[in-house]
Amino acid sequence: MVTGQDPPPRRQINDPRQLRALAHPLRLAVLQYLMAVGPRTASECAVEVGSTASNISWHLRHLAGHGLVEPVEPSDGRERPWRAAQVGLDFGAMSTDPVVMPEQDALIAASMAEESQLTRRFLDHRDKIDPRWLDTARLDGYVLRATPQEMDELAERLNALLRPYLATVRDDPPEDATLTYVGLRLFPRLNAAGRTE
């Protein structure tokens, strides 16, 4: 059972400059990594995302310029760790603004690529994973029939259900708890002609 205080709200990202900053695959991967595991050094982030510490340091400073990450005082006086400045992101409603739309699309594409990479990594290494996790892992898809209002309500209910489990702010997780990934997409299913049925 999850207890404790409600996690802080997700940070609203709808400024085209912030969307553009996050649309870079390395910056998005680093930010998502920090939101998942908490403070890490540029070297630790570089190992996770397959880059160099100097390159990741540059990207961390760029993210810091947008208020998305912040430095943490080092505990050993050596390399400085960084942490995410929020526990989640909310990209808001899908825009049709010609300035915002391409930035939003680029970020969604980068996010989908990151999710695909995490899924592929799980599938490639499943022979090394505790079988209990294999029994509970799900890659489900559903086609629902619902109104926009119902989808909005469903998204809010799912958000409320998931947020108490957020890794970096969960109080007192069980000893055998590990980082898990949940991805969710809600949008109208279009046919080949680009229309709803």
N, C-alpha and C. Protein backbone atom coordinates (compact mmCIF):
# COMPACT_ATOMS: atom_id res chain seq x y z
N MET A 1 0.84 -1.19 0.00
CA MET A 1 0.00 0.00 0.00
C MET A 1 0.88 1.25 0.00
N VAL A 2 0.54 2.21 -0.82
CA VAL A 2 1.29 3.45 -0.92
C VAL A 2 0.70 4.45 0.06
N THR A 3 1.58 5.05 0.85
CA THR A 3 1.13 6.06 1.81
C THR A 3 1.98 7.31 1.63
N GLY A 4 1.67 8.32 2.39
CA GLY A 4 2.46 9.54 2.35
C GLY A 4 1.72 10.67 1.68
N GLN A 5 2.44 11.77 1.47
CA GLN A 5 1.84 12.95 0.89
C GLN A 5 1.71 12.80 -0.62
N ASP A 6 0.82 13.61 -1.18
CA ASP A 6 0.69 13.64 -2.64
C ASP A 6 1.98 14.18 -3.23
N PRO A 7 2.44 13.60 -4.35
CA PRO A 7 3.63 14.14 -4.99
C PRO A 7 3.35 15.52 -5.57
N PRO A 8 4.39 16.30 -5.78
CA PRO A 8 4.18 17.62 -6.37
C PRO A 8 3.55 17.50 -7.75
N PRO A 9 2.86 18.53 -8.21
CA PRO A 9 2.24 18.47 -9.53
C PRO A 9 3.29 18.37 -10.64
N ARG A 10 2.87 17.84 -11.77
CA ARG A 10 3.76 17.79 -12.93
C ARG A 10 3.99 19.21 -13.43
N ARG A 11 5.15 19.42 -14.01
CA ARG A 11 5.48 20.74 -14.54
C ARG A 11 4.88 20.89 -15.93
N GLN A 12 4.18 21.98 -16.14
CA GLN A 12 3.56 22.29 -17.42
C GLN A 12 4.63 22.78 -18.40
N ILE A 13 4.75 22.12 -19.53
CA ILE A 13 5.72 22.52 -20.56
C ILE A 13 4.94 22.80 -21.84
N ASN A 14 4.80 24.07 -22.18
CA ASN A 14 4.11 24.41 -23.42
C ASN A 14 4.77 25.57 -24.16
N ASP A 15 5.86 26.08 -23.61
CA ASP A 15 6.62 27.13 -24.28
C ASP A 15 7.44 26.49 -25.40
N PRO A 16 7.38 27.04 -26.62
CA PRO A 16 8.11 26.42 -27.74
C PRO A 16 9.60 26.23 -27.48
N ARG A 17 10.24 27.15 -26.75
CA ARG A 17 11.67 27.01 -26.48
C ARG A 17 11.95 25.82 -25.56
N GLN A 18 11.10 25.63 -24.54
CA GLN A 18 11.27 24.49 -23.65
C GLN A 18 10.96 23.18 -24.38
N LEU A 19 9.92 23.19 -25.22
CA LEU A 19 9.61 22.00 -26.01
C LEU A 19 10.79 21.64 -26.91
N ARG A 20 11.39 22.64 -27.54
CA ARG A 20 12.54 22.41 -28.42
C ARG A 20 13.73 21.87 -27.62
N ALA A 21 13.95 22.42 -26.44
CA ALA A 21 15.07 21.93 -25.61
C ALA A 21 14.88 20.47 -25.25
N LEU A 22 13.66 20.08 -24.96
CA LEU A 22 13.39 18.69 -24.56
C LEU A 22 13.30 17.74 -25.75
N ALA A 23 13.11 18.26 -26.95
CA ALA A 23 12.97 17.39 -28.12
C ALA A 23 14.29 16.76 -28.52
N HIS A 24 15.40 17.23 -27.98
CA HIS A 24 16.69 16.61 -28.27
C HIS A 24 16.73 15.25 -27.56
N PRO A 25 16.98 14.16 -28.27
CA PRO A 25 16.89 12.83 -27.66
C PRO A 25 17.77 12.63 -26.43
N LEU A 26 19.01 13.16 -26.43
CA LEU A 26 19.87 12.99 -25.26
C LEU A 26 19.36 13.78 -24.06
N ARG A 27 18.90 15.01 -24.31
CA ARG A 27 18.39 15.81 -23.19
C ARG A 27 17.15 15.16 -22.59
N LEU A 28 16.26 14.67 -23.44
CA LEU A 28 15.06 14.02 -22.94
C LEU A 28 15.41 12.75 -22.16
N ALA A 29 16.34 11.96 -22.68
CA ALA A 29 16.74 10.73 -22.00
C ALA A 29 17.38 11.04 -20.64
N VAL A 30 18.22 12.05 -20.59
CA VAL A 30 18.87 12.42 -19.33
C VAL A 30 17.84 12.91 -18.33
N LEU A 31 16.93 13.77 -18.77
CA LEU A 31 15.91 14.29 -17.86
C LEU A 31 15.03 13.16 -17.34
N GLN A 32 14.60 12.27 -18.22
CA GLN A 32 13.77 11.15 -17.77
C GLN A 32 14.53 10.25 -16.82
N TYR A 33 15.81 10.06 -17.06
CA TYR A 33 16.65 9.25 -16.17
C TYR A 33 16.71 9.91 -14.78
N LEU A 34 16.96 11.21 -14.73
CA LEU A 34 17.03 11.90 -13.45
C LEU A 34 15.69 11.89 -12.72
N MET A 35 14.59 11.99 -13.46
CA MET A 35 13.27 11.93 -12.82
C MET A 35 13.00 10.52 -12.28
N ALA A 36 13.62 9.52 -12.87
CA ALA A 36 13.40 8.14 -12.43
C ALA A 36 14.27 7.76 -11.24
N VAL A 37 15.54 8.18 -11.24
CA VAL A 37 16.48 7.66 -10.24
C VAL A 37 16.96 8.69 -9.23
N GLY A 38 16.68 9.96 -9.45
CA GLY A 38 17.16 10.98 -8.53
C GLY A 38 18.52 11.50 -8.95
N PRO A 39 19.18 12.25 -8.08
CA PRO A 39 20.44 12.92 -8.44
C PRO A 39 21.51 11.97 -8.95
N ARG A 40 22.16 12.39 -10.04
CA ARG A 40 23.26 11.64 -10.64
C ARG A 40 24.24 12.63 -11.24
N THR A 41 25.49 12.20 -11.38
CA THR A 41 26.52 13.03 -12.00
C THR A 41 26.39 12.95 -13.51
N ALA A 42 27.08 13.86 -14.18
CA ALA A 42 27.09 13.83 -15.65
C ALA A 42 27.69 12.52 -16.13
N SER A 43 28.70 12.01 -15.45
CA SER A 43 29.32 10.74 -15.84
C SER A 43 28.33 9.59 -15.73
N GLU A 44 27.56 9.56 -14.66
CA GLU A 44 26.56 8.49 -14.49
C GLU A 44 25.47 8.60 -15.56
N CYS A 45 25.04 9.82 -15.85
CA CYS A 45 24.04 10.03 -16.90
C CYS A 45 24.59 9.60 -18.26
N ALA A 46 25.86 9.90 -18.51
CA ALA A 46 26.48 9.56 -19.79
C ALA A 46 26.48 8.06 -20.02
N VAL A 47 26.79 7.30 -18.98
CA VAL A 47 26.78 5.84 -19.09
C VAL A 47 25.37 5.36 -19.44
N GLU A 48 24.38 5.93 -18.78
CA GLU A 48 22.99 5.51 -19.01
C GLU A 48 22.51 5.79 -20.43
N VAL A 49 22.88 6.93 -20.99
CA VAL A 49 22.35 7.32 -22.29
C VAL A 49 23.34 7.11 -23.43
N GLY A 50 24.51 6.56 -23.13
CA GLY A 50 25.47 6.25 -24.19
C GLY A 50 26.13 7.46 -24.80
N SER A 51 26.66 8.33 -23.96
CA SER A 51 27.33 9.53 -24.44
C SER A 51 28.58 9.75 -23.60
N THR A 52 29.17 10.94 -23.73
CA THR A 52 30.34 11.28 -22.92
C THR A 52 29.93 12.23 -21.80
N ALA A 53 30.71 12.24 -20.75
CA ALA A 53 30.41 13.12 -19.61
C ALA A 53 30.44 14.59 -20.03
N SER A 54 31.40 14.98 -20.89
CA SER A 54 31.47 16.39 -21.30
C SER A 54 30.25 16.78 -22.13
N ASN A 55 29.80 15.91 -23.01
CA ASN A 55 28.61 16.18 -23.81
C ASN A 55 27.37 16.29 -22.91
N ILE A 56 27.24 15.37 -21.98
CA ILE A 56 26.08 15.40 -21.08
C ILE A 56 26.14 16.62 -20.17
N SER A 57 27.32 17.03 -19.74
CA SER A 57 27.45 18.26 -18.93
C SER A 57 26.89 19.45 -19.69
N TRP A 58 27.20 19.53 -20.98
CA TRP A 58 26.68 20.62 -21.80
C TRP A 58 25.15 20.56 -21.85
N HIS A 59 24.60 19.37 -22.08
CA HIS A 59 23.14 19.22 -22.16
C HIS A 59 22.49 19.51 -20.80
N LEU A 60 23.12 19.12 -19.72
CA LEU A 60 22.58 19.42 -18.39
C LEU A 60 22.53 20.92 -18.15
N ARG A 61 23.58 21.63 -18.55
CA ARG A 61 23.56 23.09 -18.41
C ARG A 61 22.46 23.71 -19.27
N HIS A 62 22.25 23.16 -20.45
CA HIS A 62 21.17 23.64 -21.32
C HIS A 62 19.81 23.42 -20.64
N LEU A 63 19.59 22.22 -20.09
CA LEU A 63 18.34 21.94 -19.37
C LEU A 63 18.20 22.86 -18.15
N ALA A 64 19.31 23.13 -17.47
CA ALA A 64 19.27 24.02 -16.30
C ALA A 64 18.86 25.43 -16.71
N GLY A 65 19.27 25.86 -17.90
CA GLY A 65 18.88 27.16 -18.40
C GLY A 65 17.38 27.30 -18.60
N HIS A 66 16.70 26.18 -18.72
CA HIS A 66 15.24 26.17 -18.85
C HIS A 66 14.56 25.79 -17.54
N GLY A 67 15.35 25.67 -16.46
CA GLY A 67 14.79 25.36 -15.16
C GLY A 67 14.32 23.92 -15.02
N LEU A 68 14.83 23.01 -15.85
CA LEU A 68 14.38 21.62 -15.83
C LEU A 68 15.25 20.72 -14.96
N VAL A 69 16.52 21.10 -14.76
CA VAL A 69 17.41 20.39 -13.84
C VAL A 69 18.14 21.42 -13.01
N GLU A 70 18.72 20.95 -11.92
CA GLU A 70 19.48 21.86 -11.06
C GLU A 70 20.63 21.09 -10.42
N PRO A 71 21.75 21.79 -10.16
CA PRO A 71 22.87 21.11 -9.53
C PRO A 71 22.58 20.83 -8.06
N VAL A 72 23.21 19.80 -7.55
CA VAL A 72 23.10 19.41 -6.15
C VAL A 72 24.49 19.49 -5.55
N GLU A 73 24.59 19.93 -4.32
CA GLU A 73 25.89 19.97 -3.67
C GLU A 73 26.46 18.56 -3.57
N PRO A 74 27.71 18.38 -3.99
CA PRO A 74 28.30 17.04 -3.92
C PRO A 74 28.54 16.63 -2.47
N SER A 75 28.31 15.35 -2.19
CA SER A 75 28.51 14.86 -0.83
C SER A 75 29.98 14.60 -0.54
N ASP A 76 30.78 14.38 -1.58
CA ASP A 76 32.19 14.05 -1.37
C ASP A 76 33.13 15.14 -1.87
N GLY A 77 32.59 16.28 -2.30
CA GLY A 77 33.42 17.37 -2.77
C GLY A 77 33.98 17.16 -4.15
N ARG A 78 33.56 16.13 -4.83
CA ARG A 78 34.09 15.85 -6.16
C ARG A 78 33.07 16.25 -7.22
N GLU A 79 32.81 15.37 -8.17
CA GLU A 79 31.91 15.71 -9.27
C GLU A 79 30.52 16.05 -8.76
N ARG A 80 29.96 17.10 -9.31
CA ARG A 80 28.67 17.61 -8.86
C ARG A 80 27.51 16.84 -9.49
N PRO A 81 26.60 16.33 -8.65
CA PRO A 81 25.41 15.68 -9.21
C PRO A 81 24.37 16.72 -9.65
N TRP A 82 23.46 16.25 -10.48
CA TRP A 82 22.33 17.04 -10.94
C TRP A 82 21.05 16.30 -10.59
N ARG A 83 19.97 17.05 -10.45
CA ARG A 83 18.67 16.43 -10.22
C ARG A 83 17.62 17.13 -11.08
N ALA A 84 16.56 16.40 -11.35
CA ALA A 84 15.43 16.99 -12.06
C ALA A 84 14.75 17.99 -11.14
N ALA A 85 14.29 19.07 -11.69
CA ALA A 85 13.63 20.11 -10.89
C ALA A 85 12.14 19.82 -10.72
N GLN A 86 11.68 18.69 -11.22
CA GLN A 86 10.27 18.31 -11.12
C GLN A 86 10.20 16.78 -11.11
N VAL A 87 9.04 16.25 -10.75
CA VAL A 87 8.88 14.79 -10.73
C VAL A 87 8.08 14.29 -11.93
N GLY A 88 7.61 15.18 -12.77
CA GLY A 88 6.87 14.79 -13.96
C GLY A 88 6.63 15.98 -14.84
N LEU A 89 6.32 15.70 -16.09
CA LEU A 89 6.08 16.76 -17.07
C LEU A 89 4.69 16.61 -17.65
N ASP A 90 4.07 17.73 -17.95
CA ASP A 90 2.76 17.76 -18.60
C ASP A 90 2.91 18.67 -19.82
N PHE A 91 2.75 18.10 -21.01
CA PHE A 91 2.94 18.87 -22.23
C PHE A 91 1.67 19.55 -22.69
N GLY A 92 0.61 19.46 -21.90
CA GLY A 92 -0.62 20.16 -22.20
C GLY A 92 -1.36 19.58 -23.38
N ALA A 93 -2.36 20.30 -23.80
CA ALA A 93 -3.20 19.86 -24.91
C ALA A 93 -2.41 19.90 -26.21
N MET A 94 -2.81 19.06 -27.14
CA MET A 94 -2.19 19.05 -28.47
C MET A 94 -2.51 20.38 -29.15
N SER A 95 -1.48 21.04 -29.60
CA SER A 95 -1.63 22.38 -30.17
C SER A 95 -1.79 22.33 -31.69
N THR A 96 -2.50 23.31 -32.22
CA THR A 96 -2.53 23.53 -33.67
C THR A 96 -1.86 24.86 -34.02
N ASP A 97 -1.27 25.51 -33.02
CA ASP A 97 -0.53 26.75 -33.23
C ASP A 97 0.69 26.42 -34.11
N PRO A 98 0.86 27.12 -35.24
CA PRO A 98 1.97 26.79 -36.15
C PRO A 98 3.36 26.99 -35.54
N VAL A 99 3.47 27.72 -34.45
CA VAL A 99 4.75 27.89 -33.77
C VAL A 99 4.98 26.73 -32.79
N VAL A 100 3.94 26.33 -32.08
CA VAL A 100 4.05 25.30 -31.05
C VAL A 100 4.01 23.89 -31.64
N MET A 101 3.17 23.68 -32.64
CA MET A 101 2.92 22.33 -33.15
C MET A 101 4.19 21.59 -33.59
N PRO A 102 5.10 22.18 -34.37
CA PRO A 102 6.29 21.42 -34.77
C PRO A 102 7.19 21.07 -33.59
N GLU A 103 7.26 21.96 -32.60
CA GLU A 103 8.07 21.69 -31.41
C GLU A 103 7.44 20.56 -30.60
N GLN A 104 6.13 20.60 -30.46
CA GLN A 104 5.42 19.55 -29.75
C GLN A 104 5.58 18.21 -30.47
N ASP A 105 5.47 18.22 -31.79
CA ASP A 105 5.63 16.99 -32.58
C ASP A 105 7.03 16.41 -32.42
N ALA A 106 8.05 17.28 -32.44
CA ALA A 106 9.43 16.80 -32.28
C ALA A 106 9.63 16.18 -30.90
N LEU A 107 9.04 16.79 -29.88
CA LEU A 107 9.17 16.23 -28.53
C LEU A 107 8.43 14.90 -28.42
N ILE A 108 7.26 14.80 -29.00
CA ILE A 108 6.51 13.54 -28.98
C ILE A 108 7.30 12.45 -29.70
N ALA A 109 7.91 12.77 -30.82
CA ALA A 109 8.72 11.79 -31.55
C ALA A 109 9.91 11.33 -30.71
N ALA A 110 10.58 12.27 -30.04
CA ALA A 110 11.71 11.89 -29.18
C ALA A 110 11.23 11.05 -28.01
N SER A 111 10.09 11.39 -27.45
CA SER A 111 9.54 10.63 -26.33
C SER A 111 9.16 9.21 -26.75
N MET A 112 8.56 9.08 -27.93
CA MET A 112 8.21 7.76 -28.43
C MET A 112 9.45 6.92 -28.70
N ALA A 113 10.51 7.55 -29.22
CA ALA A 113 11.77 6.83 -29.46
C ALA A 113 12.38 6.36 -28.15
N GLU A 114 12.33 7.21 -27.12
CA GLU A 114 12.85 6.82 -25.80
C GLU A 114 12.04 5.67 -25.23
N GLU A 115 10.72 5.74 -25.34
CA GLU A 115 9.87 4.65 -24.85
C GLU A 115 10.16 3.36 -25.61
N SER A 116 10.35 3.46 -26.90
CA SER A 116 10.67 2.28 -27.71
C SER A 116 12.01 1.68 -27.29
N GLN A 117 12.99 2.54 -27.01
CA GLN A 117 14.30 2.05 -26.57
C GLN A 117 14.19 1.34 -25.22
N LEU A 118 13.43 1.89 -24.29
CA LEU A 118 13.25 1.24 -22.99
C LEU A 118 12.55 -0.11 -23.16
N THR A 119 11.55 -0.17 -24.04
CA THR A 119 10.85 -1.42 -24.28
C THR A 119 11.79 -2.45 -24.91
N ARG A 120 12.58 -2.03 -25.88
CA ARG A 120 13.53 -2.93 -26.54
C ARG A 120 14.56 -3.45 -25.54
N ARG A 121 15.04 -2.56 -24.67
CA ARG A 121 16.02 -2.97 -23.66
C ARG A 121 15.43 -4.03 -22.74
N PHE A 122 14.17 -3.83 -22.35
CA PHE A 122 13.49 -4.83 -21.51
C PHE A 122 13.40 -6.16 -22.25
N LEU A 123 12.97 -6.14 -23.49
CA LEU A 123 12.81 -7.38 -24.26
C LEU A 123 14.16 -8.07 -24.49
N ASP A 124 15.19 -7.29 -24.77
CA ASP A 124 16.52 -7.86 -25.03
C ASP A 124 17.14 -8.52 -23.80
N HIS A 125 16.75 -8.07 -22.62
CA HIS A 125 17.38 -8.57 -21.39
C HIS A 125 16.41 -9.36 -20.50
N ARG A 126 15.28 -9.76 -21.03
CA ARG A 126 14.29 -10.42 -20.18
C ARG A 126 14.78 -11.75 -19.63
N ASP A 127 15.77 -12.38 -20.27
CA ASP A 127 16.30 -13.63 -19.73
C ASP A 127 17.07 -13.43 -18.43
N LYS A 128 17.40 -12.17 -18.10
CA LYS A 128 18.14 -11.85 -16.87
C LYS A 128 17.24 -11.27 -15.77
N ILE A 129 15.95 -11.16 -16.07
CA ILE A 129 15.02 -10.51 -15.15
C ILE A 129 14.32 -11.55 -14.28
N ASP A 130 14.12 -11.19 -13.03
CA ASP A 130 13.39 -12.05 -12.10
C ASP A 130 12.06 -12.46 -12.74
N PRO A 131 11.77 -13.75 -12.80
CA PRO A 131 10.53 -14.22 -13.44
C PRO A 131 9.26 -13.59 -12.87
N ARG A 132 9.28 -13.15 -11.61
CA ARG A 132 8.10 -12.49 -11.06
C ARG A 132 7.77 -11.23 -11.84
N TRP A 133 8.80 -10.53 -12.32
CA TRP A 133 8.57 -9.32 -13.11
C TRP A 133 8.05 -9.68 -14.49
N LEU A 134 8.52 -10.78 -15.04
CA LEU A 134 8.02 -11.20 -16.35
C LEU A 134 6.55 -11.57 -16.29
N ASP A 135 6.12 -12.11 -15.14
CA ASP A 135 4.70 -12.47 -14.97
C ASP A 135 3.81 -11.25 -14.86
N THR A 136 4.38 -10.11 -14.43
CA THR A 136 3.55 -8.91 -14.24
C THR A 136 3.73 -7.86 -15.33
N ALA A 137 4.78 -7.99 -16.15
CA ALA A 137 5.00 -7.01 -17.23
C ALA A 137 3.85 -7.07 -18.22
N ARG A 138 3.45 -5.92 -18.72
CA ARG A 138 2.33 -5.84 -19.66
C ARG A 138 2.69 -4.90 -20.80
N LEU A 139 2.38 -5.31 -21.99
CA LEU A 139 2.47 -4.45 -23.16
C LEU A 139 1.10 -4.50 -23.84
N ASP A 140 0.12 -3.99 -23.14
CA ASP A 140 -1.27 -4.07 -23.57
C ASP A 140 -1.65 -2.88 -24.44
N GLY A 141 -2.62 -3.10 -25.28
CA GLY A 141 -3.22 -2.03 -26.06
C GLY A 141 -4.72 -2.22 -26.05
N TYR A 142 -5.43 -1.12 -26.04
CA TYR A 142 -6.90 -1.16 -26.00
C TYR A 142 -7.44 -0.18 -27.02
N VAL A 143 -8.56 -0.51 -27.61
CA VAL A 143 -9.30 0.46 -28.42
C VAL A 143 -10.63 0.66 -27.70
N LEU A 144 -10.83 1.86 -27.19
CA LEU A 144 -12.02 2.20 -26.42
C LEU A 144 -12.97 3.00 -27.30
N ARG A 145 -14.22 3.05 -26.91
CA ARG A 145 -15.17 3.96 -27.56
C ARG A 145 -15.59 4.95 -26.48
N ALA A 146 -15.17 6.20 -26.65
CA ALA A 146 -15.39 7.18 -25.59
C ALA A 146 -15.46 8.58 -26.17
N THR A 147 -15.98 9.50 -25.38
CA THR A 147 -16.04 10.91 -25.76
C THR A 147 -14.75 11.60 -25.31
N PRO A 148 -14.45 12.79 -25.83
CA PRO A 148 -13.29 13.53 -25.34
C PRO A 148 -13.35 13.76 -23.83
N GLN A 149 -14.54 14.07 -23.31
CA GLN A 149 -14.67 14.29 -21.87
C GLN A 149 -14.36 13.02 -21.09
N GLU A 150 -14.84 11.87 -21.58
CA GLU A 150 -14.55 10.60 -20.90
C GLU A 150 -13.05 10.29 -20.93
N MET A 151 -12.39 10.59 -22.05
CA MET A 151 -10.95 10.34 -22.14
C MET A 151 -10.19 11.25 -21.18
N ASP A 152 -10.63 12.50 -21.07
CA ASP A 152 -10.00 13.42 -20.12
C ASP A 152 -10.17 12.92 -18.70
N GLU A 153 -11.37 12.46 -18.36
CA GLU A 153 -11.62 11.92 -17.02
C GLU A 153 -10.79 10.67 -16.77
N LEU A 154 -10.68 9.81 -17.77
CA LEU A 154 -9.88 8.60 -17.63
C LEU A 154 -8.41 8.94 -17.41
N ALA A 155 -7.90 9.89 -18.18
CA ALA A 155 -6.51 10.30 -18.02
C ALA A 155 -6.25 10.84 -16.61
N GLU A 156 -7.17 11.65 -16.10
CA GLU A 156 -7.01 12.19 -14.74
C GLU A 156 -7.05 11.08 -13.69
N ARG A 157 -7.94 10.12 -13.86
CA ARG A 157 -8.02 9.00 -12.90
C ARG A 157 -6.76 8.15 -12.95
N LEU A 158 -6.24 7.89 -14.15
CA LEU A 158 -5.00 7.11 -14.26
C LEU A 158 -3.83 7.87 -13.65
N ASN A 159 -3.78 9.17 -13.89
CA ASN A 159 -2.73 9.99 -13.30
C ASN A 159 -2.79 9.92 -11.77
N ALA A 160 -3.98 10.06 -11.21
CA ALA A 160 -4.13 9.99 -9.75
C ALA A 160 -3.75 8.62 -9.22
N LEU A 161 -4.01 7.58 -9.97
CA LEU A 161 -3.67 6.23 -9.56
C LEU A 161 -2.16 5.99 -9.58
N LEU A 162 -1.46 6.52 -10.58
CA LEU A 162 -0.04 6.26 -10.75
C LEU A 162 0.88 7.15 -9.92
N ARG A 163 0.51 8.40 -9.71
CA ARG A 163 1.42 9.37 -9.08
C ARG A 163 1.93 8.98 -7.69
N PRO A 164 1.16 8.30 -6.86
CA PRO A 164 1.73 7.91 -5.55
C PRO A 164 2.92 6.95 -5.66
N TYR A 165 3.12 6.33 -6.82
CA TYR A 165 4.22 5.38 -7.01
C TYR A 165 5.46 6.03 -7.63
N LEU A 166 5.44 7.33 -7.90
CA LEU A 166 6.58 7.97 -8.54
C LEU A 166 7.86 7.68 -7.77
N ALA A 167 8.87 7.21 -8.50
CA ALA A 167 10.07 6.65 -7.89
C ALA A 167 10.82 7.62 -6.98
N THR A 168 11.02 8.84 -7.41
CA THR A 168 11.89 9.73 -6.64
C THR A 168 11.21 10.36 -5.43
N VAL A 169 9.89 10.23 -5.32
CA VAL A 169 9.21 10.84 -4.18
C VAL A 169 8.39 9.84 -3.36
N ARG A 170 8.43 8.56 -3.72
CA ARG A 170 7.65 7.57 -2.97
C ARG A 170 8.25 7.37 -1.59
N ASP A 171 7.40 7.50 -0.58
CA ASP A 171 7.83 7.28 0.80
C ASP A 171 7.80 5.79 1.12
N ASP A 172 8.88 5.29 1.66
CA ASP A 172 8.92 3.95 2.22
C ASP A 172 8.49 2.83 1.26
N PRO A 173 9.10 2.73 0.07
CA PRO A 173 8.72 1.62 -0.82
C PRO A 173 9.15 0.28 -0.21
N PRO A 174 8.45 -0.80 -0.54
CA PRO A 174 8.86 -2.12 -0.06
C PRO A 174 10.28 -2.44 -0.50
N GLU A 175 10.94 -3.30 0.23
CA GLU A 175 12.34 -3.63 -0.04
C GLU A 175 12.55 -4.19 -1.44
N ASP A 176 11.60 -4.95 -1.97
CA ASP A 176 11.77 -5.55 -3.28
C ASP A 176 11.22 -4.68 -4.42
N ALA A 177 10.88 -3.43 -4.13
CA ALA A 177 10.40 -2.51 -5.17
C ALA A 177 11.56 -2.12 -6.08
N THR A 178 11.31 -2.02 -7.36
CA THR A 178 12.31 -1.60 -8.33
C THR A 178 11.70 -0.58 -9.28
N LEU A 179 12.53 0.10 -10.03
CA LEU A 179 12.02 1.06 -11.00
C LEU A 179 11.22 0.31 -12.05
N THR A 180 10.04 0.81 -12.34
CA THR A 180 9.20 0.25 -13.40
C THR A 180 8.76 1.39 -14.30
N TYR A 181 8.46 1.05 -15.55
CA TYR A 181 8.07 2.07 -16.52
C TYR A 181 6.63 1.84 -16.93
N VAL A 182 5.84 2.91 -16.95
CA VAL A 182 4.47 2.86 -17.44
C VAL A 182 4.34 3.95 -18.50
N GLY A 183 3.96 3.58 -19.70
CA GLY A 183 3.72 4.54 -20.77
C GLY A 183 2.24 4.53 -21.13
N LEU A 184 1.70 5.66 -21.46
CA LEU A 184 0.28 5.74 -21.75
C LEU A 184 0.06 6.75 -22.87
N ARG A 185 -0.74 6.35 -23.85
CA ARG A 185 -1.12 7.27 -24.93
C ARG A 185 -2.63 7.23 -25.07
N LEU A 186 -3.25 8.38 -25.14
CA LEU A 186 -4.70 8.49 -25.37
C LEU A 186 -4.92 9.41 -26.55
N PHE A 187 -5.49 8.89 -27.63
CA PHE A 187 -5.80 9.71 -28.79
C PHE A 187 -6.83 8.99 -29.64
N PRO A 188 -7.55 9.72 -30.49
CA PRO A 188 -8.52 9.07 -31.36
C PRO A 188 -7.82 8.11 -32.33
N ARG A 189 -8.42 6.95 -32.53
CA ARG A 189 -7.88 5.99 -33.49
C ARG A 189 -8.41 6.38 -34.87
N LEU A 190 -7.48 6.70 -35.76
CA LEU A 190 -7.87 7.13 -37.12
C LEU A 190 -7.70 5.98 -38.10
N ASN A 191 -8.58 5.93 -39.10
CA ASN A 191 -8.44 4.91 -40.13
C ASN A 191 -7.40 5.38 -41.16
N ALA A 192 -7.17 4.57 -42.19
CA ALA A 192 -6.15 4.89 -43.18
C ALA A 192 -6.41 6.22 -43.91
N ALA A 193 -7.66 6.63 -43.95
CA ALA A 193 -8.02 7.90 -44.59
C ALA A 193 -7.87 9.08 -43.63
N GLY A 194 -7.45 8.81 -42.38
CA GLY A 194 -7.28 9.89 -41.41
C GLY A 194 -8.56 10.33 -40.75
N ARG A 195 -9.55 9.44 -40.70
CA ARG A 195 -10.83 9.79 -40.10
C ARG A 195 -11.15 8.82 -38.96
N THR A 196 -11.97 9.30 -38.04
CA THR A 196 -12.46 8.42 -36.98
C THR A 196 -13.62 7.60 -37.52
N GLU A 197 -13.84 6.45 -36.93
CA GLU A 197 -14.96 5.59 -37.38
C GLU A 197 -16.02 5.53 -36.32
